[in-house]
Amino acid sequence: MYLKLQPRNLHNCTFNDNNELFLSSTISFNKNENVDNLPCNIDWEDKEKYNQIETKLYEFILPTYRLQFPDESVQK
């Protein structure tokens, strides 16, 4: 998946009606790079890549997590 999408570090942002940052999340592919000051995705293609990667991560991790912690709930 990673090689197919060729992503950079991605910072996905959601803004409220007043154009203030409401929610943000980051997917980083370089653990040595500081992601605190990454700019928000401004390119629709980056947002799509972020969503695809996030979905695949949940598909991959969630079944294992549910087996180990059956009483906990994890949501996107």
PDB file of N, CA and C in Angstrom:
ATOM      1  N   MET A   1       0.831  -1.194   0.000  1.00  0.00           N
ATOM      2  CA  MET A   1       0.000   0.000   0.000  1.00  0.00           C
ATOM      3  C   MET A   1       0.870   1.251   0.000  1.00  0.00           C
ATOM      4  N   TYR A   2       1.863   1.283   0.871  1.00  0.00           N
ATOM      5  CA  TYR A   2       2.733   2.456   0.971  1.00  0.00           C
ATOM      6  C   TYR A   2       3.429   2.736  -0.359  1.00  0.00           C
ATOM      7  N   LEU A   3       3.993   1.707  -0.974  1.00  0.00           N
ATOM      8  CA  LEU A   3       4.702   1.905  -2.234  1.00  0.00           C
ATOM      9  C   LEU A   3       3.766   2.340  -3.348  1.00  0.00           C
ATOM     10  N   LYS A   4       2.569   1.843  -3.315  1.00  0.00           N
ATOM     11  CA  LYS A   4       1.603   2.200  -4.346  1.00  0.00           C
ATOM     12  C   LYS A   4       1.202   3.674  -4.244  1.00  0.00           C
ATOM     13  N   LEU A   5       0.994   4.165  -3.034  1.00  0.00           N
ATOM     14  CA  LEU A   5       0.535   5.545  -2.852  1.00  0.00           C
ATOM     15  C   LEU A   5       1.670   6.561  -2.826  1.00  0.00           C
ATOM     16  N   GLN A   6       2.873   6.128  -2.508  1.00  0.00           N
ATOM     17  CA  GLN A   6       4.043   6.995  -2.417  1.00  0.00           C
ATOM     18  C   GLN A   6       3.757   8.261  -1.604  1.00  0.00           C
ATOM     19  N   PRO A   7       3.316   8.119  -0.375  1.00  0.00           N
ATOM     20  CA  PRO A   7       2.938   9.301   0.394  1.00  0.00           C
ATOM     21  C   PRO A   7       4.109   9.975   1.085  1.00  0.00           C
ATOM     22  N   ARG A   8       3.894  11.224   1.407  1.00  0.00           N
ATOM     23  CA  ARG A   8       4.787  11.954   2.300  1.00  0.00           C
ATOM     24  C   ARG A   8       4.172  11.815   3.686  1.00  0.00           C
ATOM     25  N   ASN A   9       4.789  12.486   4.652  1.00  0.00           N
ATOM     26  CA  ASN A   9       4.110  12.607   5.935  1.00  0.00           C
ATOM     27  C   ASN A   9       2.849  13.417   5.678  1.00  0.00           C
ATOM     28  N   LEU A  10       1.757  12.979   6.230  1.00  0.00           N
ATOM     29  CA  LEU A  10       0.481  13.623   5.935  1.00  0.00           C
ATOM     30  C   LEU A  10      -0.163  14.147   7.205  1.00  0.00           C
ATOM     31  N   HIS A  11      -0.662  15.348   7.132  1.00  0.00           N
ATOM     32  CA  HIS A  11      -1.329  15.983   8.263  1.00  0.00           C
ATOM     33  C   HIS A  11      -2.725  16.376   7.789  1.00  0.00           C
ATOM     34  N   ASN A  12      -3.706  15.672   8.272  1.00  0.00           N
ATOM     35  CA  ASN A  12      -5.082  15.895   7.857  1.00  0.00           C
ATOM     36  C   ASN A  12      -5.768  16.811   8.865  1.00  0.00           C
ATOM     37  N   CYS A  13      -6.456  17.839   8.389  1.00  0.00           N
ATOM     38  CA  CYS A  13      -7.061  18.834   9.279  1.00  0.00           C
ATOM     39  C   CYS A  13      -8.543  19.005   8.978  1.00  0.00           C
ATOM     40  N   THR A  14      -9.301  19.252  10.034  1.00  0.00           N
ATOM     41  CA  THR A  14     -10.713  19.578   9.911  1.00  0.00           C
ATOM     42  C   THR A  14     -10.928  20.916  10.601  1.00  0.00           C
ATOM     43  N   PHE A  15     -11.652  21.791   9.926  1.00  0.00           N
ATOM     44  CA  PHE A  15     -11.887  23.130  10.463  1.00  0.00           C
ATOM     45  C   PHE A  15     -13.362  23.313  10.790  1.00  0.00           C
ATOM     46  N   ASN A  16     -13.648  24.152  11.790  1.00  0.00           N
ATOM     47  CA  ASN A  16     -15.039  24.446  12.125  1.00  0.00           C
ATOM     48  C   ASN A  16     -15.555  25.572  11.231  1.00  0.00           C
ATOM     49  N   ASP A  17     -16.774  26.029  11.481  1.00  0.00           N
ATOM     50  CA  ASP A  17     -17.395  27.054  10.640  1.00  0.00           C
ATOM     51  C   ASP A  17     -16.671  28.394  10.703  1.00  0.00           C
ATOM     52  N   ASN A  18     -15.933  28.626  11.773  1.00  0.00           N
ATOM     53  CA  ASN A  18     -15.180  29.880  11.917  1.00  0.00           C
ATOM     54  C   ASN A  18     -13.765  29.764  11.355  1.00  0.00           C
ATOM     55  N   ASN A  19     -13.524  28.698  10.620  1.00  0.00           N
ATOM     56  CA  ASN A  19     -12.223  28.436  10.009  1.00  0.00           C
ATOM     57  C   ASN A  19     -11.109  28.260  11.044  1.00  0.00           C
ATOM     58  N   GLU A  20     -11.474  27.759  12.214  1.00  0.00           N
ATOM     59  CA  GLU A  20     -10.498  27.433  13.249  1.00  0.00           C
ATOM     60  C   GLU A  20     -10.262  25.928  13.212  1.00  0.00           C
ATOM     61  N   LEU A  21      -9.044  25.533  13.497  1.00  0.00           N
ATOM     62  CA  LEU A  21      -8.707  24.113  13.487  1.00  0.00           C
ATOM     63  C   LEU A  21      -9.524  23.380  14.545  1.00  0.00           C
ATOM     64  N   PHE A  22     -10.285  22.402  14.109  1.00  0.00           N
ATOM     65  CA  PHE A  22     -11.162  21.652  14.998  1.00  0.00           C
ATOM     66  C   PHE A  22     -10.520  20.323  15.399  1.00  0.00           C
ATOM     67  N   LEU A  23      -9.904  19.664  14.438  1.00  0.00           N
ATOM     68  CA  LEU A  23      -9.349  18.331  14.648  1.00  0.00           C
ATOM     69  C   LEU A  23      -8.217  18.118  13.656  1.00  0.00           C
ATOM     70  N   SER A  24      -7.157  17.471  14.109  1.00  0.00           N
ATOM     71  CA  SER A  24      -6.087  17.140  13.168  1.00  0.00           C
ATOM     72  C   SER A  24      -5.467  15.806  13.560  1.00  0.00           C
ATOM     73  N   SER A  25      -4.943  15.125  12.572  1.00  0.00           N
ATOM     74  CA  SER A  25      -4.249  13.867  12.808  1.00  0.00           C
ATOM     75  C   SER A  25      -3.121  13.748  11.791  1.00  0.00           C
ATOM     76  N   THR A  26      -2.118  12.979  12.152  1.00  0.00           N
ATOM     77  CA  THR A  26      -0.916  12.876  11.325  1.00  0.00           C
ATOM     78  C   THR A  26      -0.546  11.416  11.119  1.00  0.00           C
ATOM     79  N   ILE A  27      -0.132  11.106   9.914  1.00  0.00           N
ATOM     80  CA  ILE A  27       0.465   9.813   9.608  1.00  0.00           C
ATOM     81  C   ILE A  27       1.886  10.115   9.161  1.00  0.00           C
ATOM     82  N   SER A  28       2.842   9.545   9.863  1.00  0.00           N
ATOM     83  CA  SER A  28       4.246   9.834   9.570  1.00  0.00           C
ATOM     84  C   SER A  28       4.945   8.572   9.097  1.00  0.00           C
ATOM     85  N   PHE A  29       5.754   8.714   8.066  1.00  0.00           N
ATOM     86  CA  PHE A  29       6.509   7.584   7.532  1.00  0.00           C
ATOM     87  C   PHE A  29       7.998   7.712   7.812  1.00  0.00           C
ATOM     88  N   ASN A  30       8.370   8.754   8.534  1.00  0.00           N
ATOM     89  CA  ASN A  30       9.769   8.965   8.890  1.00  0.00           C
ATOM     90  C   ASN A  30       9.819   9.327  10.359  1.00  0.00           C
ATOM     91  N   LYS A  31      10.218   8.383  11.200  1.00  0.00           N
ATOM     92  CA  LYS A  31      10.173   8.615  12.641  1.00  0.00           C
ATOM     93  C   LYS A  31      11.177   9.658  13.101  1.00  0.00           C
ATOM     94  N   ASN A  32      12.141  10.006  12.263  1.00  0.00           N
ATOM     95  CA  ASN A  32      13.131  11.016  12.627  1.00  0.00           C
ATOM     96  C   ASN A  32      12.673  12.434  12.315  1.00  0.00           C
ATOM     97  N   GLU A  33      11.577  12.568  11.615  1.00  0.00           N
ATOM     98  CA  GLU A  33      11.100  13.892  11.218  1.00  0.00           C
ATOM     99  C   GLU A  33      10.064  14.405  12.218  1.00  0.00           C
ATOM    100  N   ASN A  34      10.190  15.652  12.587  1.00  0.00           N
ATOM    101  CA  ASN A  34       9.239  16.276  13.502  1.00  0.00           C
ATOM    102  C   ASN A  34       7.937  16.559  12.754  1.00  0.00           C
ATOM    103  N   VAL A  35       6.834  16.036  13.259  1.00  0.00           N
ATOM    104  CA  VAL A  35       5.551  16.213  12.582  1.00  0.00           C
ATOM    105  C   VAL A  35       4.672  17.269  13.251  1.00  0.00           C
ATOM    106  N   ASP A  36       5.165  17.883  14.320  1.00  0.00           N
ATOM    107  CA  ASP A  36       4.354  18.862  15.048  1.00  0.00           C
ATOM    108  C   ASP A  36       3.984  20.072  14.205  1.00  0.00           C
ATOM    109  N   ASN A  37       4.849  20.457  13.296  1.00  0.00           N
ATOM    110  CA  ASN A  37       4.607  21.671  12.523  1.00  0.00           C
ATOM    111  C   ASN A  37       4.328  21.407  11.051  1.00  0.00           C
ATOM    112  N   LEU A  38       3.889  20.218  10.740  1.00  0.00           N
ATOM    113  CA  LEU A  38       3.542  19.931   9.348  1.00  0.00           C
ATOM    114  C   LEU A  38       2.351  20.781   8.927  1.00  0.00           C
ATOM    115  N   PRO A  39       2.365  21.303   7.723  1.00  0.00           N
ATOM    116  CA  PRO A  39       1.187  22.041   7.259  1.00  0.00           C
ATOM    117  C   PRO A  39       0.041  21.071   6.975  1.00  0.00           C
ATOM    118  N   CYS A  40      -1.149  21.571   7.056  1.00  0.00           N
ATOM    119  CA  CYS A  40      -2.320  20.745   6.745  1.00  0.00           C
ATOM    120  C   CYS A  40      -2.322  20.397   5.264  1.00  0.00           C
ATOM    121  N   ASN A  41      -2.900  19.258   4.953  1.00  0.00           N
ATOM    122  CA  ASN A  41      -3.053  18.882   3.549  1.00  0.00           C
ATOM    123  C   ASN A  41      -3.890  19.935   2.845  1.00  0.00           C
ATOM    124  N   ILE A  42      -3.365  20.434   1.762  1.00  0.00           N
ATOM    125  CA  ILE A  42      -4.143  21.390   0.976  1.00  0.00           C
ATOM    126  C   ILE A  42      -4.512  20.786  -0.371  1.00  0.00           C
ATOM    127  N   ASP A  43      -3.899  19.686  -0.680  1.00  0.00           N
ATOM    128  CA  ASP A  43      -4.109  19.022  -1.947  1.00  0.00           C
ATOM    129  C   ASP A  43      -5.135  17.903  -1.757  1.00  0.00           C
ATOM    130  N   TRP A  44      -6.138  17.863  -2.596  1.00  0.00           N
ATOM    131  CA  TRP A  44      -7.170  16.832  -2.500  1.00  0.00           C
ATOM    132  C   TRP A  44      -6.554  15.436  -2.608  1.00  0.00           C
ATOM    133  N   GLU A  45      -5.533  15.303  -3.430  1.00  0.00           N
ATOM    134  CA  GLU A  45      -4.871  14.011  -3.601  1.00  0.00           C
ATOM    135  C   GLU A  45      -4.226  13.554  -2.287  1.00  0.00           C
ATOM    136  N   ASP A  46      -3.598  14.475  -1.562  1.00  0.00           N
ATOM    137  CA  ASP A  46      -3.021  14.131  -0.263  1.00  0.00           C
ATOM    138  C   ASP A  46      -4.099  13.677   0.712  1.00  0.00           C
ATOM    139  N   LYS A  47      -5.225  14.350   0.703  1.00  0.00           N
ATOM    140  CA  LYS A  47      -6.322  13.964   1.597  1.00  0.00           C
ATOM    141  C   LYS A  47      -6.828  12.568   1.261  1.00  0.00           C
ATOM    142  N   GLU A  48      -6.924  12.282  -0.015  1.00  0.00           N
ATOM    143  CA  GLU A  48      -7.364  10.949  -0.431  1.00  0.00           C
ATOM    144  C   GLU A  48      -6.355   9.879  -0.003  1.00  0.00           C
ATOM    145  N   LYS A  49      -5.082  10.170  -0.174  1.00  0.00           N
ATOM    146  CA  LYS A  49      -4.049   9.225   0.257  1.00  0.00           C
ATOM    147  C   LYS A  49      -4.132   8.995   1.760  1.00  0.00           C
ATOM    148  N   TYR A  50      -4.291  10.074   2.496  1.00  0.00           N
ATOM    149  CA  TYR A  50      -4.392   9.966   3.950  1.00  0.00           C
ATOM    150  C   TYR A  50      -5.559   9.050   4.320  1.00  0.00           C
ATOM    151  N   ASN A  51      -6.710   9.277   3.729  1.00  0.00           N
ATOM    152  CA  ASN A  51      -7.893   8.476   4.046  1.00  0.00           C
ATOM    153  C   ASN A  51      -7.703   7.013   3.668  1.00  0.00           C
ATOM    154  N   GLN A  52      -7.076   6.749   2.540  1.00  0.00           N
ATOM    155  CA  GLN A  52      -6.835   5.367   2.125  1.00  0.00           C
ATOM    156  C   GLN A  52      -5.880   4.663   3.088  1.00  0.00           C
ATOM    157  N   ILE A  53      -4.821   5.353   3.461  1.00  0.00           N
ATOM    158  CA  ILE A  53      -3.847   4.756   4.380  1.00  0.00           C
ATOM    159  C   ILE A  53      -4.474   4.527   5.742  1.00  0.00           C
ATOM    160  N   GLU A  54      -5.214   5.510   6.233  1.00  0.00           N
ATOM    161  CA  GLU A  54      -5.870   5.373   7.531  1.00  0.00           C
ATOM    162  C   GLU A  54      -6.830   4.187   7.533  1.00  0.00           C
ATOM    163  N   THR A  55      -7.596   4.037   6.474  1.00  0.00           N
ATOM    164  CA  THR A  55      -8.535   2.922   6.363  1.00  0.00           C
ATOM    165  C   THR A  55      -7.797   1.583   6.385  1.00  0.00           C
ATOM    166  N   LYS A  56      -6.707   1.487   5.642  1.00  0.00           N
ATOM    167  CA  LYS A  56      -5.935   0.241   5.612  1.00  0.00           C
ATOM    168  C   LYS A  56      -5.311  -0.059   6.974  1.00  0.00           C
ATOM    169  N   LEU A  57      -4.846   0.976   7.666  1.00  0.00           N
ATOM    170  CA  LEU A  57      -4.280   0.764   8.997  1.00  0.00           C
ATOM    171  C   LEU A  57      -5.334   0.214   9.949  1.00  0.00           C
ATOM    172  N   TYR A  58      -6.534   0.776   9.902  1.00  0.00           N
ATOM    173  CA  TYR A  58      -7.608   0.260  10.753  1.00  0.00           C
ATOM    174  C   TYR A  58      -7.959  -1.178  10.390  1.00  0.00           C
ATOM    175  N   GLU A  59      -8.015  -1.486   9.107  1.00  0.00           N
ATOM    176  CA  GLU A  59      -8.321  -2.854   8.683  1.00  0.00           C
ATOM    177  C   GLU A  59      -7.259  -3.832   9.180  1.00  0.00           C
ATOM    178  N   PHE A  60      -6.031  -3.393   9.186  1.00  0.00           N
ATOM    179  CA  PHE A  60      -4.917  -4.251   9.582  1.00  0.00           C
ATOM    180  C   PHE A  60      -4.828  -4.413  11.100  1.00  0.00           C
ATOM    181  N   ILE A  61      -4.983  -3.330  11.830  1.00  0.00           N
ATOM    182  CA  ILE A  61      -4.751  -3.318  13.274  1.00  0.00           C
ATOM    183  C   ILE A  61      -5.976  -3.748  14.080  1.00  0.00           C
ATOM    184  N   LEU A  62      -7.145  -3.361  13.652  1.00  0.00           N
ATOM    185  CA  LEU A  62      -8.351  -3.567  14.443  1.00  0.00           C
ATOM    186  C   LEU A  62      -8.635  -5.025  14.812  1.00  0.00           C
ATOM    187  N   PRO A  63      -8.552  -5.983  13.905  1.00  0.00           N
ATOM    188  CA  PRO A  63      -8.837  -7.368  14.306  1.00  0.00           C
ATOM    189  C   PRO A  63      -7.911  -7.874  15.417  1.00  0.00           C
ATOM    190  N   THR A  64      -6.636  -7.534  15.324  1.00  0.00           N
ATOM    191  CA  THR A  64      -5.681  -7.948  16.355  1.00  0.00           C
ATOM    192  C   THR A  64      -5.993  -7.273  17.678  1.00  0.00           C
ATOM    193  N   TYR A  65      -6.303  -5.998  17.611  1.00  0.00           N
ATOM    194  CA  TYR A  65      -6.628  -5.244  18.825  1.00  0.00           C
ATOM    195  C   TYR A  65      -7.875  -5.826  19.498  1.00  0.00           C
ATOM    196  N   ARG A  66      -8.874  -6.165  18.697  1.00  0.00           N
ATOM    197  CA  ARG A  66     -10.113  -6.733  19.256  1.00  0.00           C
ATOM    198  C   ARG A  66      -9.870  -8.084  19.917  1.00  0.00           C
ATOM    199  N   LEU A  67      -8.969  -8.861  19.361  1.00  0.00           N
ATOM    200  CA  LEU A  67      -8.641 -10.148  19.983  1.00  0.00           C
ATOM    201  C   LEU A  67      -7.964  -9.950  21.335  1.00  0.00           C
ATOM    202  N   GLN A  68      -7.081  -8.989  21.396  1.00  0.00           N
ATOM    203  CA  GLN A  68      -6.336  -8.760  22.626  1.00  0.00           C
ATOM    204  C   GLN A  68      -7.167  -8.008  23.673  1.00  0.00           C
ATOM    205  N   PHE A  69      -8.026  -7.103  23.230  1.00  0.00           N
ATOM    206  CA  PHE A  69      -8.836  -6.285  24.142  1.00  0.00           C
ATOM    207  C   PHE A  69     -10.306  -6.356  23.724  1.00  0.00           C
ATOM    208  N   PRO A  70     -10.963  -7.481  23.953  1.00  0.00           N
ATOM    209  CA  PRO A  70     -12.331  -7.667  23.445  1.00  0.00           C
ATOM    210  C   PRO A  70     -13.368  -6.730  24.063  1.00  0.00           C
ATOM    211  N   ASP A  71     -13.097  -6.191  25.241  1.00  0.00           N
ATOM    212  CA  ASP A  71     -14.087  -5.339  25.899  1.00  0.00           C
ATOM    213  C   ASP A  71     -13.927  -3.857  25.567  1.00  0.00           C
ATOM    214  N   GLU A  72     -12.913  -3.518  24.806  1.00  0.00           N
ATOM    215  CA  GLU A  72     -12.685  -2.113  24.468  1.00  0.00           C
ATOM    216  C   GLU A  72     -13.195  -1.820  23.066  1.00  0.00           C
ATOM    217  N   SER A  73     -13.562  -0.585  22.865  1.00  0.00           N
ATOM    218  CA  SER A  73     -14.075  -0.163  21.574  1.00  0.00           C
ATOM    219  C   SER A  73     -13.099   0.814  20.925  1.00  0.00           C
ATOM    220  N   VAL A  74     -12.805   0.583  19.670  1.00  0.00           N
ATOM    221  CA  VAL A  74     -11.943   1.488  18.912  1.00  0.00           C
ATOM    222  C   VAL A  74     -12.727   1.944  17.701  1.00  0.00           C
ATOM    223  N   GLN A  75     -12.753   3.251  17.518  1.00  0.00           N
ATOM    224  CA  GLN A  75     -13.467   3.793  16.371  1.00  0.00           C
ATOM    225  C   GLN A  75     -12.577   4.756  15.624  1.00  0.00           C
ATOM    226  N   LYS A  76     -12.886   4.917  14.410  1.00  0.00           N
ATOM    227  CA  LYS A  76     -12.159   5.842  13.557  1.00  0.00           C
ATOM    228  C   LYS A  76     -12.516   7.254  13.916  1.00  0.00           C
TER     229      LYS A  76
END
